[in-house]
Amino acid sequence: MGRIVIVAYKPKQDKESELVELVESHLSILRTEGLVSDRDSIVMRSTDGTVVEVFEWASKEAIEAAHKNPEVQKMWLEFSKICDFIPVSQVSESRSMFSEFTPLN
């Protein structure tokens, strides 16, 4: 059974455009590695520039496999150079009853 996740990427200074490019390639890399479902992701931006992505892992086991996958590890290293992973609860829009974001895809 799939696992839907919400992840928030806070770009480092002057790295927002690089972050958007990496997020745009994120799902296809995971899909090539057989780790995510066929469901399209939803990518959006908060007012402070944080990029939020919603996507579906293929299974709980796929999440665990990602932590051992060299291609995924390489991609996560690239993410770490240009952003910080933050809890969704730190995105100001998440505190609203109806959270609104700017769509990126």
PDB file of N, CA and C in Angstrom:
ATOM      1  N   MET A   1       0.841  -1.178   0.000  1.00  0.00           N
ATOM      2  CA  MET A   1       0.000   0.000   0.000  1.00  0.00           C
ATOM      3  C   MET A   1       0.885   1.240   0.000  1.00  0.00           C
ATOM      4  N   GLY A   2       0.523   2.221  -0.807  1.00  0.00           N
ATOM      5  CA  GLY A   2       1.282   3.460  -0.928  1.00  0.00           C
ATOM      6  C   GLY A   2       1.265   4.282   0.355  1.00  0.00           C
ATOM      7  N   ARG A   3       2.221   5.200   0.444  1.00  0.00           N
ATOM      8  CA  ARG A   3       2.336   6.100   1.592  1.00  0.00           C
ATOM      9  C   ARG A   3       2.477   7.520   1.055  1.00  0.00           C
ATOM     10  N   ILE A   4       1.459   8.351   1.280  1.00  0.00           N
ATOM     11  CA  ILE A   4       1.508   9.740   0.835  1.00  0.00           C
ATOM     12  C   ILE A   4       2.241  10.559   1.881  1.00  0.00           C
ATOM     13  N   VAL A   5       3.187  11.375   1.407  1.00  0.00           N
ATOM     14  CA  VAL A   5       3.979  12.217   2.297  1.00  0.00           C
ATOM     15  C   VAL A   5       3.901  13.672   1.847  1.00  0.00           C
ATOM     16  N   ILE A   6       4.116  14.552   2.804  1.00  0.00           N
ATOM     17  CA  ILE A   6       4.210  15.983   2.552  1.00  0.00           C
ATOM     18  C   ILE A   6       5.574  16.404   3.069  1.00  0.00           C
ATOM     19  N   VAL A   7       6.360  17.020   2.208  1.00  0.00           N
ATOM     20  CA  VAL A   7       7.701  17.450   2.611  1.00  0.00           C
ATOM     21  C   VAL A   7       7.856  18.936   2.302  1.00  0.00           C
ATOM     22  N   ALA A   8       8.551  19.640   3.188  1.00  0.00           N
ATOM     23  CA  ALA A   8       8.795  21.071   3.010  1.00  0.00           C
ATOM     24  C   ALA A   8      10.290  21.311   2.882  1.00  0.00           C
ATOM     25  N   TYR A   9      10.656  22.015   1.818  1.00  0.00           N
ATOM     26  CA  TYR A   9      12.053  22.336   1.536  1.00  0.00           C
ATOM     27  C   TYR A   9      12.221  23.854   1.651  1.00  0.00           C
ATOM     28  N   LYS A  10      12.985  24.308   2.616  1.00  0.00           N
ATOM     29  CA  LYS A  10      13.241  25.747   2.772  1.00  0.00           C
ATOM     30  C   LYS A  10      14.548  26.068   2.050  1.00  0.00           C
ATOM     31  N   PRO A  11      14.485  26.850   0.971  1.00  0.00           N
ATOM     32  CA  PRO A  11      15.698  27.095   0.200  1.00  0.00           C
ATOM     33  C   PRO A  11      16.732  27.905   0.982  1.00  0.00           C
ATOM     34  N   LYS A  12      17.992  27.563   0.767  1.00  0.00           N
ATOM     35  CA  LYS A  12      19.076  28.370   1.331  1.00  0.00           C
ATOM     36  C   LYS A  12      19.155  29.650   0.507  1.00  0.00           C
ATOM     37  N   GLN A  13      19.822  30.636   1.029  1.00  0.00           N
ATOM     38  CA  GLN A  13      19.867  31.949   0.391  1.00  0.00           C
ATOM     39  C   GLN A  13      20.322  31.835  -1.070  1.00  0.00           C
ATOM     40  N   ASP A  14      19.539  32.469  -1.936  1.00  0.00           N
ATOM     41  CA  ASP A  14      19.816  32.519  -3.381  1.00  0.00           C
ATOM     42  C   ASP A  14      19.787  31.151  -4.058  1.00  0.00           C
ATOM     43  N   LYS A  15      19.105  30.183  -3.485  1.00  0.00           N
ATOM     44  CA  LYS A  15      19.059  28.827  -4.047  1.00  0.00           C
ATOM     45  C   LYS A  15      17.648  28.411  -4.471  1.00  0.00           C
ATOM     46  N   GLU A  16      16.708  29.357  -4.466  1.00  0.00           N
ATOM     47  CA  GLU A  16      15.315  28.997  -4.739  1.00  0.00           C
ATOM     48  C   GLU A  16      15.119  28.416  -6.140  1.00  0.00           C
ATOM     49  N   SER A  17      15.719  29.006  -7.159  1.00  0.00           N
ATOM     50  CA  SER A  17      15.515  28.481  -8.514  1.00  0.00           C
ATOM     51  C   SER A  17      16.151  27.094  -8.673  1.00  0.00           C
ATOM     52  N   GLU A  18      17.312  26.875  -8.061  1.00  0.00           N
ATOM     53  CA  GLU A  18      17.938  25.546  -8.099  1.00  0.00           C
ATOM     54  C   GLU A  18      17.058  24.520  -7.394  1.00  0.00           C
ATOM     55  N   LEU A  19      16.446  24.934  -6.291  1.00  0.00           N
ATOM     56  CA  LEU A  19      15.563  24.032  -5.560  1.00  0.00           C
ATOM     57  C   LEU A  19      14.367  23.634  -6.409  1.00  0.00           C
ATOM     58  N   VAL A  20      13.750  24.596  -7.065  1.00  0.00           N
ATOM     59  CA  VAL A  20      12.581  24.293  -7.900  1.00  0.00           C
ATOM     60  C   VAL A  20      12.977  23.302  -9.000  1.00  0.00           C
ATOM     61  N   GLU A  21      14.135  23.500  -9.619  1.00  0.00           N
ATOM     62  CA  GLU A  21      14.598  22.562 -10.658  1.00  0.00           C
ATOM     63  C   GLU A  21      14.787  21.156 -10.106  1.00  0.00           C
ATOM     64  N   LEU A  22      15.387  21.062  -8.925  1.00  0.00           N
ATOM     65  CA  LEU A  22      15.623  19.746  -8.336  1.00  0.00           C
ATOM     66  C   LEU A  22      14.306  19.066  -7.965  1.00  0.00           C
ATOM     67  N   VAL A  23      13.387  19.814  -7.399  1.00  0.00           N
ATOM     68  CA  VAL A  23      12.088  19.236  -7.042  1.00  0.00           C
ATOM     69  C   VAL A  23      11.364  18.753  -8.299  1.00  0.00           C
ATOM     70  N   GLU A  24      11.514  19.478  -9.403  1.00  0.00           N
ATOM     71  CA  GLU A  24      10.876  19.068 -10.652  1.00  0.00           C
ATOM     72  C   GLU A  24      11.412  17.726 -11.155  1.00  0.00           C
ATOM     73  N   SER A  25      12.657  17.390 -10.831  1.00  0.00           N
ATOM     74  CA  SER A  25      13.238  16.115 -11.275  1.00  0.00           C
ATOM     75  C   SER A  25      13.110  15.005 -10.221  1.00  0.00           C
ATOM     76  N   HIS A  26      12.747  15.389  -9.020  1.00  0.00           N
ATOM     77  CA  HIS A  26      12.691  14.477  -7.870  1.00  0.00           C
ATOM     78  C   HIS A  26      11.852  13.233  -8.139  1.00  0.00           C
ATOM     79  N   LEU A  27      10.632  13.440  -8.558  1.00  0.00           N
ATOM     80  CA  LEU A  27       9.703  12.319  -8.730  1.00  0.00           C
ATOM     81  C   LEU A  27      10.166  11.367  -9.830  1.00  0.00           C
ATOM     82  N   SER A  28      10.695  11.912 -10.923  1.00  0.00           N
ATOM     83  CA  SER A  28      11.126  11.029 -12.011  1.00  0.00           C
ATOM     84  C   SER A  28      12.308  10.155 -11.584  1.00  0.00           C
ATOM     85  N   ILE A  29      13.191  10.692 -10.758  1.00  0.00           N
ATOM     86  CA  ILE A  29      14.307   9.886 -10.241  1.00  0.00           C
ATOM     87  C   ILE A  29      13.764   8.760  -9.359  1.00  0.00           C
ATOM     88  N   LEU A  30      12.856   9.104  -8.457  1.00  0.00           N
ATOM     89  CA  LEU A  30      12.264   8.079  -7.589  1.00  0.00           C
ATOM     90  C   LEU A  30      11.480   7.052  -8.399  1.00  0.00           C
ATOM     91  N   ARG A  31      10.821   7.512  -9.448  1.00  0.00           N
ATOM     92  CA  ARG A  31      10.033   6.597 -10.288  1.00  0.00           C
ATOM     93  C   ARG A  31      10.963   5.645 -11.041  1.00  0.00           C
ATOM     94  N   THR A  32      12.064   6.165 -11.572  1.00  0.00           N
ATOM     95  CA  THR A  32      13.043   5.320 -12.274  1.00  0.00           C
ATOM     96  C   THR A  32      13.582   4.232 -11.345  1.00  0.00           C
ATOM     97  N   GLU A  33      13.730   4.562 -10.081  1.00  0.00           N
ATOM     98  CA  GLU A  33      14.238   3.602  -9.099  1.00  0.00           C
ATOM     99  C   GLU A  33      13.137   2.681  -8.574  1.00  0.00           C
ATOM    100  N   GLY A  34      11.895   2.864  -9.038  1.00  0.00           N
ATOM    101  CA  GLY A  34      10.792   1.995  -8.645  1.00  0.00           C
ATOM    102  C   GLY A  34      10.296   2.224  -7.226  1.00  0.00           C
ATOM    103  N   LEU A  35      10.451   3.445  -6.728  1.00  0.00           N
ATOM    104  CA  LEU A  35      10.139   3.723  -5.319  1.00  0.00           C
ATOM    105  C   LEU A  35       8.841   4.473  -5.085  1.00  0.00           C
ATOM    106  N   VAL A  36       8.252   5.033  -6.140  1.00  0.00           N
ATOM    107  CA  VAL A  36       7.022   5.804  -5.976  1.00  0.00           C
ATOM    108  C   VAL A  36       5.931   5.255  -6.884  1.00  0.00           C
ATOM    109  N   SER A  37       4.711   5.644  -6.597  1.00  0.00           N
ATOM    110  CA  SER A  37       3.564   5.214  -7.394  1.00  0.00           C
ATOM    111  C   SER A  37       3.502   6.028  -8.691  1.00  0.00           C
ATOM    112  N   ASP A  38       2.500   5.744  -9.489  1.00  0.00           N
ATOM    113  CA  ASP A  38       2.275   6.498 -10.728  1.00  0.00           C
ATOM    114  C   ASP A  38       1.559   7.822 -10.485  1.00  0.00           C
ATOM    115  N   ARG A  39       1.138   8.053  -9.260  1.00  0.00           N
ATOM    116  CA  ARG A  39       0.409   9.287  -8.930  1.00  0.00           C
ATOM    117  C   ARG A  39       1.328  10.498  -9.135  1.00  0.00           C
ATOM    118  N   ASP A  40       0.805  11.538  -9.773  1.00  0.00           N
ATOM    119  CA  ASP A  40       1.567  12.774  -9.933  1.00  0.00           C
ATOM    120  C   ASP A  40       1.738  13.467  -8.588  1.00  0.00           C
ATOM    121  N   SER A  41       2.836  14.200  -8.460  1.00  0.00           N
ATOM    122  CA  SER A  41       3.048  14.974  -7.232  1.00  0.00           C
ATOM    123  C   SER A  41       2.348  16.322  -7.358  1.00  0.00           C
ATOM    124  N   ILE A  42       2.221  16.986  -6.238  1.00  0.00           N
ATOM    125  CA  ILE A  42       1.745  18.369  -6.195  1.00  0.00           C
ATOM    126  C   ILE A  42       2.876  19.163  -5.568  1.00  0.00           C
ATOM    127  N   VAL A  43       3.303  20.203  -6.270  1.00  0.00           N
ATOM    128  CA  VAL A  43       4.403  21.032  -5.792  1.00  0.00           C
ATOM    129  C   VAL A  43       3.904  22.463  -5.707  1.00  0.00           C
ATOM    130  N   MET A  44       4.201  23.103  -4.576  1.00  0.00           N
ATOM    131  CA  MET A  44       3.696  24.450  -4.344  1.00  0.00           C
ATOM    132  C   MET A  44       4.693  25.274  -3.554  1.00  0.00           C
ATOM    133  N   ARG A  45       4.498  26.597  -3.548  1.00  0.00           N
ATOM    134  CA  ARG A  45       5.400  27.501  -2.836  1.00  0.00           C
ATOM    135  C   ARG A  45       4.603  28.282  -1.794  1.00  0.00           C
ATOM    136  N   SER A  46       5.200  28.429  -0.616  1.00  0.00           N
ATOM    137  CA  SER A  46       4.593  29.242   0.440  1.00  0.00           C
ATOM    138  C   SER A  46       5.032  30.694   0.258  1.00  0.00           C
ATOM    139  N   THR A  47       4.446  31.574   1.035  1.00  0.00           N
ATOM    140  CA  THR A  47       4.776  32.993   0.913  1.00  0.00           C
ATOM    141  C   THR A  47       6.226  33.294   1.281  1.00  0.00           C
ATOM    142  N   ASP A  48       6.861  32.470   2.104  1.00  0.00           N
ATOM    143  CA  ASP A  48       8.268  32.715   2.472  1.00  0.00           C
ATOM    144  C   ASP A  48       9.246  31.998   1.542  1.00  0.00           C
ATOM    145  N   GLY A  49       8.741  31.382   0.471  1.00  0.00           N
ATOM    146  CA  GLY A  49       9.605  30.717  -0.500  1.00  0.00           C
ATOM    147  C   GLY A  49       9.815  29.243  -0.266  1.00  0.00           C
ATOM    148  N   THR A  50       9.313  28.708   0.844  1.00  0.00           N
ATOM    149  CA  THR A  50       9.430  27.273   1.102  1.00  0.00           C
ATOM    150  C   THR A  50       8.650  26.518   0.034  1.00  0.00           C
ATOM    151  N   VAL A  51       9.257  25.476  -0.496  1.00  0.00           N
ATOM    152  CA  VAL A  51       8.610  24.634  -1.494  1.00  0.00           C
ATOM    153  C   VAL A  51       8.055  23.413  -0.775  1.00  0.00           C
ATOM    154  N   VAL A  52       6.787  23.119  -1.017  1.00  0.00           N
ATOM    155  CA  VAL A  52       6.107  21.988  -0.389  1.00  0.00           C
ATOM    156  C   VAL A  52       5.735  21.001  -1.489  1.00  0.00           C
ATOM    157  N   GLU A  53       6.046  19.737  -1.251  1.00  0.00           N
ATOM    158  CA  GLU A  53       5.738  18.693  -2.221  1.00  0.00           C
ATOM    159  C   GLU A  53       4.908  17.600  -1.550  1.00  0.00           C
ATOM    160  N   VAL A  54       3.902  17.137  -2.269  1.00  0.00           N
ATOM    161  CA  VAL A  54       3.077  16.020  -1.822  1.00  0.00           C
ATOM    162  C   VAL A  54       3.246  14.922  -2.871  1.00  0.00           C
ATOM    163  N   PHE A  55       3.682  13.744  -2.431  1.00  0.00           N
ATOM    164  CA  PHE A  55       3.848  12.648  -3.373  1.00  0.00           C
ATOM    165  C   PHE A  55       3.604  11.324  -2.665  1.00  0.00           C
ATOM    166  N   GLU A  56       3.554  10.242  -3.460  1.00  0.00           N
ATOM    167  CA  GLU A  56       3.246   8.925  -2.898  1.00  0.00           C
ATOM    168  C   GLU A  56       4.385   7.934  -3.124  1.00  0.00           C
ATOM    169  N   TRP A  57       4.960   7.473  -2.008  1.00  0.00           N
ATOM    170  CA  TRP A  57       5.896   6.357  -2.065  1.00  0.00           C
ATOM    171  C   TRP A  57       5.101   5.111  -2.444  1.00  0.00           C
ATOM    172  N   ALA A  58       5.747   4.154  -3.081  1.00  0.00           N
ATOM    173  CA  ALA A  58       5.072   2.912  -3.471  1.00  0.00           C
ATOM    174  C   ALA A  58       4.628   2.105  -2.258  1.00  0.00           C
ATOM    175  N   SER A  59       5.413   2.170  -1.172  1.00  0.00           N
ATOM    176  CA  SER A  59       5.111   1.406   0.034  1.00  0.00           C
ATOM    177  C   SER A  59       6.037   1.867   1.156  1.00  0.00           C
ATOM    178  N   LYS A  60       5.770   1.370   2.334  1.00  0.00           N
ATOM    179  CA  LYS A  60       6.665   1.642   3.467  1.00  0.00           C
ATOM    180  C   LYS A  60       8.056   1.058   3.191  1.00  0.00           C
ATOM    181  N   GLU A  61       8.082  -0.105   2.540  1.00  0.00           N
ATOM    182  CA  GLU A  61       9.348  -0.742   2.196  1.00  0.00           C
ATOM    183  C   GLU A  61      10.139   0.100   1.190  1.00  0.00           C
ATOM    184  N   ALA A  62       9.438   0.783   0.294  1.00  0.00           N
ATOM    185  CA  ALA A  62      10.108   1.648  -0.684  1.00  0.00           C
ATOM    186  C   ALA A  62      10.797   2.819   0.014  1.00  0.00           C
ATOM    187  N   ILE A  63      10.169   3.339   1.055  1.00  0.00           N
ATOM    188  CA  ILE A  63      10.789   4.421   1.835  1.00  0.00           C
ATOM    189  C   ILE A  63      12.091   3.909   2.445  1.00  0.00           C
ATOM    190  N   GLU A  64      12.036   2.729   3.030  1.00  0.00           N
ATOM    191  CA  GLU A  64      13.235   2.135   3.631  1.00  0.00           C
ATOM    192  C   GLU A  64      14.313   1.865   2.572  1.00  0.00           C
ATOM    193  N   ALA A  65      13.892   1.386   1.405  1.00  0.00           N
ATOM    194  CA  ALA A  65      14.844   1.101   0.321  1.00  0.00           C
ATOM    195  C   ALA A  65      15.522   2.374  -0.176  1.00  0.00           C
ATOM    196  N   ALA A  66      14.800   3.490  -0.149  1.00  0.00           N
ATOM    197  CA  ALA A  66      15.374   4.764  -0.609  1.00  0.00           C
ATOM    198  C   ALA A  66      16.596   5.138   0.213  1.00  0.00           C
ATOM    199  N   HIS A  67      16.593   4.794   1.481  1.00  0.00           N
ATOM    200  CA  HIS A  67      17.706   5.142   2.368  1.00  0.00           C
ATOM    201  C   HIS A  67      18.978   4.344   2.062  1.00  0.00           C
ATOM    202  N   LYS A  68      18.854   3.315   1.210  1.00  0.00           N
ATOM    203  CA  LYS A  68      20.007   2.503   0.821  1.00  0.00           C
ATOM    204  C   LYS A  68      20.329   2.646  -0.663  1.00  0.00           C
ATOM    205  N   ASN A  69      19.524   3.411  -1.377  1.00  0.00           N
ATOM    206  CA  ASN A  69      19.660   3.524  -2.823  1.00  0.00           C
ATOM    207  C   ASN A  69      20.679   4.611  -3.183  1.00  0.00           C
ATOM    208  N   PRO A  70      21.736   4.271  -3.938  1.00  0.00           N
ATOM    209  CA  PRO A  70      22.772   5.251  -4.263  1.00  0.00           C
ATOM    210  C   PRO A  70      22.271   6.460  -5.047  1.00  0.00           C
ATOM    211  N   GLU A  71      21.341   6.241  -5.970  1.00  0.00           N
ATOM    212  CA  GLU A  71      20.814   7.369  -6.755  1.00  0.00           C
ATOM    213  C   GLU A  71      20.014   8.325  -5.874  1.00  0.00           C
ATOM    214  N   VAL A  72      19.239   7.773  -4.977  1.00  0.00           N
ATOM    215  CA  VAL A  72      18.449   8.602  -4.059  1.00  0.00           C
ATOM    216  C   VAL A  72      19.376   9.329  -3.091  1.00  0.00           C
ATOM    217  N   GLN A  73      20.369   8.652  -2.598  1.00  0.00           N
ATOM    218  CA  GLN A  73      21.329   9.281  -1.686  1.00  0.00           C
ATOM    219  C   GLN A  73      22.034  10.456  -2.370  1.00  0.00           C
ATOM    220  N   LYS A  74      22.404  10.269  -3.619  1.00  0.00           N
ATOM    221  CA  LYS A  74      23.041  11.334  -4.398  1.00  0.00           C
ATOM    222  C   LYS A  74      22.090  12.535  -4.529  1.00  0.00           C
ATOM    223  N   MET A  75      20.826  12.258  -4.838  1.00  0.00           N
ATOM    224  CA  MET A  75      19.841  13.327  -4.985  1.00  0.00           C
ATOM    225  C   MET A  75      19.630  14.045  -3.651  1.00  0.00           C
ATOM    226  N   TRP A  76      19.526  13.299  -2.561  1.00  0.00           N
ATOM    227  CA  TRP A  76      19.319  13.923  -1.250  1.00  0.00           C
ATOM    228  C   TRP A  76      20.511  14.793  -0.857  1.00  0.00           C
ATOM    229  N   LEU A  77      21.709  14.400  -1.275  1.00  0.00           N
ATOM    230  CA  LEU A  77      22.888  15.229  -1.022  1.00  0.00           C
ATOM    231  C   LEU A  77      22.756  16.561  -1.755  1.00  0.00           C
ATOM    232  N   GLU A  78      22.268  16.518  -2.986  1.00  0.00           N
ATOM    233  CA  GLU A  78      22.039  17.757  -3.738  1.00  0.00           C
ATOM    234  C   GLU A  78      20.998  18.632  -3.034  1.00  0.00           C
ATOM    235  N   PHE A  79      19.927  18.015  -2.531  1.00  0.00           N
ATOM    236  CA  PHE A  79      18.927  18.770  -1.773  1.00  0.00           C
ATOM    237  C   PHE A  79      19.586  19.454  -0.574  1.00  0.00           C
ATOM    238  N   SER A  80      20.435  18.739   0.144  1.00  0.00           N
ATOM    239  CA  SER A  80      21.032  19.289   1.368  1.00  0.00           C
ATOM    240  C   SER A  80      21.931  20.492   1.089  1.00  0.00           C
ATOM    241  N   LYS A  81      22.443  20.599  -0.133  1.00  0.00           N
ATOM    242  CA  LYS A  81      23.282  21.748  -0.497  1.00  0.00           C
ATOM    243  C   LYS A  81      22.475  23.012  -0.751  1.00  0.00           C
ATOM    244  N   ILE A  82      21.208  22.846  -1.119  1.00  0.00           N
ATOM    245  CA  ILE A  82      20.424  24.018  -1.526  1.00  0.00           C
ATOM    246  C   ILE A  82      19.206  24.304  -0.653  1.00  0.00           C
ATOM    247  N   CYS A  83      18.906  23.402   0.292  1.00  0.00           N
ATOM    248  CA  CYS A  83      17.736  23.645   1.140  1.00  0.00           C
ATOM    249  C   CYS A  83      17.870  22.932   2.474  1.00  0.00           C
ATOM    250  N   ASP A  84      16.980  23.298   3.374  1.00  0.00           N
ATOM    251  CA  ASP A  84      16.823  22.590   4.637  1.00  0.00           C
ATOM    252  C   ASP A  84      15.465  21.915   4.605  1.00  0.00           C
ATOM    253  N   PHE A  85      15.415  20.675   5.052  1.00  0.00           N
ATOM    254  CA  PHE A  85      14.133  19.988   5.202  1.00  0.00           C
ATOM    255  C   PHE A  85      13.544  20.479   6.517  1.00  0.00           C
ATOM    256  N   ILE A  86      12.314  20.969   6.476  1.00  0.00           N
ATOM    257  CA  ILE A  86      11.679  21.468   7.699  1.00  0.00           C
ATOM    258  C   ILE A  86      10.340  20.766   7.900  1.00  0.00           C
ATOM    259  N   PRO A  87       9.882  20.674   9.145  1.00  0.00           N
ATOM    260  CA  PRO A  87       8.549  20.102   9.374  1.00  0.00           C
ATOM    261  C   PRO A  87       7.479  20.980   8.715  1.00  0.00           C
ATOM    262  N   VAL A  88       6.489  20.351   8.142  1.00  0.00           N
ATOM    263  CA  VAL A  88       5.404  21.091   7.502  1.00  0.00           C
ATOM    264  C   VAL A  88       4.753  22.060   8.495  1.00  0.00           C
ATOM    265  N   SER A  89       4.755  21.702   9.761  1.00  0.00           N
ATOM    266  CA  SER A  89       4.150  22.573  10.775  1.00  0.00           C
ATOM    267  C   SER A  89       4.858  23.919  10.888  1.00  0.00           C
ATOM    268  N   GLN A  90       6.082  24.033  10.360  1.00  0.00           N
ATOM    269  CA  GLN A  90       6.799  25.305  10.386  1.00  0.00           C
ATOM    270  C   GLN A  90       6.466  26.197   9.195  1.00  0.00           C
ATOM    271  N   VAL A  91       5.707  25.691   8.253  1.00  0.00           N
ATOM    272  CA  VAL A  91       5.264  26.492   7.112  1.00  0.00           C
ATOM    273  C   VAL A  91       4.032  27.270   7.580  1.00  0.00           C
ATOM    274  N   SER A  92       4.110  28.588   7.518  1.00  0.00           N
ATOM    275  CA  SER A  92       3.056  29.418   8.126  1.00  0.00           C
ATOM    276  C   SER A  92       1.662  29.088   7.601  1.00  0.00           C
ATOM    277  N   GLU A  93       1.545  28.745   6.329  1.00  0.00           N
ATOM    278  CA  GLU A  93       0.233  28.424   5.763  1.00  0.00           C
ATOM    279  C   GLU A  93      -0.414  27.211   6.421  1.00  0.00           C
ATOM    280  N   SER A  94       0.388  26.338   6.999  1.00  0.00           N
ATOM    281  CA  SER A  94      -0.163  25.117   7.602  1.00  0.00           C
ATOM    282  C   SER A  94      -1.000  25.408   8.838  1.00  0.00           C
ATOM    283  N   ARG A  95      -0.909  26.611   9.346  1.00  0.00           N
ATOM    284  CA  ARG A  95      -1.676  26.978  10.544  1.00  0.00           C
ATOM    285  C   ARG A  95      -3.089  27.461  10.218  1.00  0.00           C
ATOM    286  N   SER A  96      -3.390  27.584   8.931  1.00  0.00           N
ATOM    287  CA  SER A  96      -4.713  28.049   8.507  1.00  0.00           C
ATOM    288  C   SER A  96      -5.646  26.865   8.302  1.00  0.00           C
ATOM    289  N   MET A  97      -6.921  27.104   8.497  1.00  0.00           N
ATOM    290  CA  MET A  97      -7.920  26.060   8.257  1.00  0.00           C
ATOM    291  C   MET A  97      -7.859  25.583   6.807  1.00  0.00           C
ATOM    292  N   PHE A  98      -7.734  26.535   5.886  1.00  0.00           N
ATOM    293  CA  PHE A  98      -7.617  26.220   4.452  1.00  0.00           C
ATOM    294  C   PHE A  98      -6.304  26.826   3.977  1.00  0.00           C
ATOM    295  N   SER A  99      -5.265  26.028   3.957  1.00  0.00           N
ATOM    296  CA  SER A  99      -3.923  26.484   3.608  1.00  0.00           C
ATOM    297  C   SER A  99      -3.842  26.737   2.113  1.00  0.00           C
ATOM    298  N   GLU A 100      -3.404  27.932   1.732  1.00  0.00           N
ATOM    299  CA  GLU A 100      -3.278  28.298   0.323  1.00  0.00           C
ATOM    300  C   GLU A 100      -1.818  28.464  -0.051  1.00  0.00           C
ATOM    301  N   PHE A 101      -1.478  27.953  -1.237  1.00  0.00           N
ATOM    302  CA  PHE A 101      -0.120  28.028  -1.742  1.00  0.00           C
ATOM    303  C   PHE A 101      -0.148  28.412  -3.217  1.00  0.00           C
ATOM    304  N   THR A 102       0.998  28.844  -3.730  1.00  0.00           N
ATOM    305  CA  THR A 102       1.148  29.105  -5.152  1.00  0.00           C
ATOM    306  C   THR A 102       1.579  27.809  -5.827  1.00  0.00           C
ATOM    307  N   PRO A 103       0.818  27.328  -6.830  1.00  0.00           N
ATOM    308  CA  PRO A 103       1.199  26.075  -7.486  1.00  0.00           C
ATOM    309  C   PRO A 103       2.455  26.250  -8.324  1.00  0.00           C
ATOM    310  N   LEU A 104       3.303  25.205  -8.327  1.00  0.00           N
ATOM    311  CA  LEU A 104       4.512  25.211  -9.149  1.00  0.00           C
ATOM    312  C   LEU A 104       4.475  24.155 -10.248  1.00  0.00           C
ATOM    313  N   ASN A 105       3.517  23.240 -10.196  1.00  0.00           N
ATOM    314  CA  ASN A 105       3.398  22.248 -11.283  1.00  0.00           C
ATOM    315  C   ASN A 105       1.957  22.033 -11.661  1.00  0.00           C
TER     316      ASN A 105
END
